[in-house]
């Protein structure tokens, strides 16, 4: 069985005299059990690294722009410094959802002030135990670049 990799689910937009409608019609929300938002008032705020062996996540930029980085974890107790990093940029003007399969850790930083990111999960809060892992924010990348 092939392992799942992160992917962007592309959307689109339609504009007329009434305004603009954005959509991501290929995003199947049937597995989503909860969602929440994080707002970064500063481009210096780094949220990294949070990982899940079981849980999957989806990210959608509501406002501004975020750099989102995902790492496939090779050992949850002592991950290698050489894990592959996948990098994405999510922007409010480009409707797309980033899928992070289970087995990955995520980190993100706002590119513009007051950026807002919606995060969705396929598990309810407290539904699974001991599936939250944190790693040093500079373990795999230099966020200053």
Protein backbone atom coordinates (compact mmCIF):
# COMPACT_ATOMS: atom_id res chain seq x y z
CA UNK A 1 0.00 0.00 0.00
CA UNK A 2 1.38 3.38 -1.03
CA UNK A 3 1.84 5.95 1.74
CA UNK A 4 -0.21 9.12 1.48
CA UNK A 5 1.66 12.32 0.71
CA UNK A 6 0.64 15.93 1.30
CA UNK A 7 -1.28 17.49 -1.55
CA UNK A 8 -3.01 20.68 -2.56
CA UNK A 9 -6.67 20.42 -3.45
CA UNK A 10 -7.19 23.18 -5.98
CA UNK A 11 -10.21 25.41 -6.10
CA UNK A 12 -11.30 28.32 -8.23
CA UNK A 13 -13.16 31.58 -8.27
CA UNK A 14 -15.99 33.24 -10.17
CA UNK A 15 -16.49 37.01 -10.28
CA UNK A 16 -19.26 39.19 -11.60
CA UNK A 17 -20.96 42.47 -10.65
CA UNK A 18 -22.17 40.92 -7.38
CA UNK A 19 -18.66 40.07 -6.15
CA UNK A 20 -16.42 37.02 -6.09
CA UNK A 21 -17.26 33.45 -5.17
CA UNK A 22 -14.35 31.20 -4.19
CA UNK A 23 -14.70 27.41 -4.04
CA UNK A 24 -12.81 24.16 -3.53
CA UNK A 25 -15.36 21.75 -4.95
CA UNK A 26 -13.00 18.75 -4.98
CA UNK A 27 -12.50 18.91 -1.21
CA UNK A 28 -14.47 16.07 0.40
CA UNK A 29 -15.39 17.26 3.90
CA UNK A 30 -17.17 14.05 4.93
CA UNK A 31 -14.33 12.99 7.29
CA UNK A 32 -13.97 16.38 9.02
CA UNK A 33 -15.01 16.32 12.69
CA UNK A 34 -13.74 19.69 13.89
CA UNK A 35 -12.18 22.94 12.74
CA UNK A 36 -10.44 25.86 14.33
CA UNK A 37 -8.60 29.04 13.35
CA UNK A 38 -5.23 30.50 14.20
CA UNK A 39 -4.41 34.16 13.60
CA UNK A 40 -0.87 35.46 13.45
CA UNK A 41 -0.74 39.18 14.17
CA UNK A 42 3.00 39.18 13.43
CA UNK A 43 5.11 37.68 10.65
CA UNK A 44 7.60 36.69 13.34
CA UNK A 45 5.25 34.16 14.98
CA UNK A 46 6.28 30.56 14.24
CA UNK A 47 4.06 27.60 15.08
CA UNK A 48 6.20 24.50 14.66
CA UNK A 49 6.39 21.51 14.93
CA UNK A 50 3.19 19.66 15.85
CA UNK A 51 2.72 16.11 14.61
CA UNK A 52 0.22 13.27 14.60
CA UNK A 53 0.68 9.56 13.93
CA UNK A 54 -3.07 8.94 13.59
CA UNK A 55 -4.79 12.26 12.91
CA UNK A 56 -4.86 14.01 9.52
CA UNK A 57 -5.23 17.75 9.00
CA UNK A 58 -6.40 20.14 6.28
CA UNK A 59 -5.38 23.81 6.02
CA UNK A 60 -7.16 26.71 4.31
CA UNK A 61 -5.91 30.31 4.32
CA UNK A 62 -8.79 32.62 5.23
CA UNK A 63 -6.81 35.87 5.31
CA UNK A 64 -3.32 36.88 4.23
CA UNK A 65 -0.61 34.39 3.34
CA UNK A 66 1.07 31.51 5.17
CA UNK A 67 4.10 29.35 4.49
CA UNK A 68 3.18 25.85 5.65
CA UNK A 69 5.84 23.18 5.98
CA UNK A 70 5.18 19.48 6.52
CA UNK A 71 7.64 16.78 7.54
CA UNK A 72 7.17 13.01 7.24
CA UNK A 73 8.29 11.68 10.62
CA UNK A 74 10.53 8.61 10.46
CA UNK A 75 10.76 7.92 14.22
CA UNK A 76 8.32 9.54 16.66
CA UNK A 77 10.64 9.19 19.68
CA UNK A 78 13.81 10.39 17.95
CA UNK A 79 13.16 11.70 14.41
CA UNK A 80 16.06 12.11 12.02
CA UNK A 81 17.36 15.58 11.21
CA UNK A 82 17.11 14.60 7.53
CA UNK A 83 13.36 14.08 7.22
CA UNK A 84 11.94 15.36 3.94
CA UNK A 85 10.31 18.79 4.18
CA UNK A 86 7.35 19.67 1.93
CA UNK A 87 6.71 23.41 1.58
CA UNK A 88 3.51 25.14 0.48
CA UNK A 89 2.29 28.72 0.35
CA UNK A 90 -1.38 29.33 1.05
CA UNK A 91 -2.95 32.66 0.13
CA UNK A 92 -6.42 34.09 0.68
CA UNK A 93 -6.73 34.90 -3.05
CA UNK A 94 -5.97 31.34 -4.20
CA UNK A 95 -8.70 28.98 -2.99
CA UNK A 96 -7.05 25.66 -2.17
CA UNK A 97 -6.94 23.23 0.73
CA UNK A 98 -3.68 21.63 1.84
CA UNK A 99 -4.04 18.01 2.97
CA UNK A 100 -1.60 16.70 5.59
CA UNK A 101 -1.94 12.93 6.02
CA UNK A 102 -1.31 11.22 9.32
CA UNK A 103 2.36 10.52 10.05
CA UNK A 104 3.45 14.12 9.47
CA UNK A 105 4.35 17.14 11.57
CA UNK A 106 3.42 20.67 10.52
CA UNK A 107 4.78 24.12 11.04
CA UNK A 108 3.72 27.48 9.66
CA UNK A 109 4.54 31.15 9.64
CA UNK A 110 2.53 34.12 8.36
CA UNK A 111 3.98 35.97 5.38
CA UNK A 112 1.66 38.95 5.88
CA UNK A 113 0.47 40.62 9.10
CA UNK A 114 -2.85 39.46 10.62
CA UNK A 115 -2.98 36.27 8.53
CA UNK A 116 -5.65 33.74 9.50
CA UNK A 117 -5.52 29.98 8.89
CA UNK A 118 -8.39 27.50 9.19
CA UNK A 119 -7.33 24.03 10.32
CA UNK A 120 -9.58 20.98 10.07
CA UNK A 121 -9.18 17.54 11.62
CA UNK A 122 -10.67 14.09 11.10
CA UNK A 123 -10.86 13.49 14.89
CA UNK A 124 -12.82 15.25 17.61
CA UNK A 125 -10.95 16.88 20.47
CA UNK A 126 -10.09 14.15 23.00
CA UNK A 127 -11.20 11.32 20.69
CA UNK A 128 -7.70 9.85 20.51
CA UNK A 129 -5.09 9.91 23.25
CA UNK A 130 -1.35 10.36 23.03
CA UNK A 131 -1.31 11.43 19.37
CA UNK A 132 0.19 14.87 19.83
CA UNK A 133 3.92 15.28 19.30
CA UNK A 134 5.98 18.47 19.50
CA UNK A 135 9.46 19.06 18.15
CA UNK A 136 11.85 22.00 18.28
CA UNK A 137 10.77 24.72 15.84
CA UNK A 138 14.20 24.84 14.16
CA UNK A 139 14.72 21.08 13.84
CA UNK A 140 14.19 20.79 10.07
CA UNK A 141 14.15 24.32 8.68
CA UNK A 142 15.47 27.81 9.22
CA UNK A 143 12.27 29.87 9.39
CA UNK A 144 14.21 33.09 8.80
CA UNK A 145 14.76 32.25 5.12
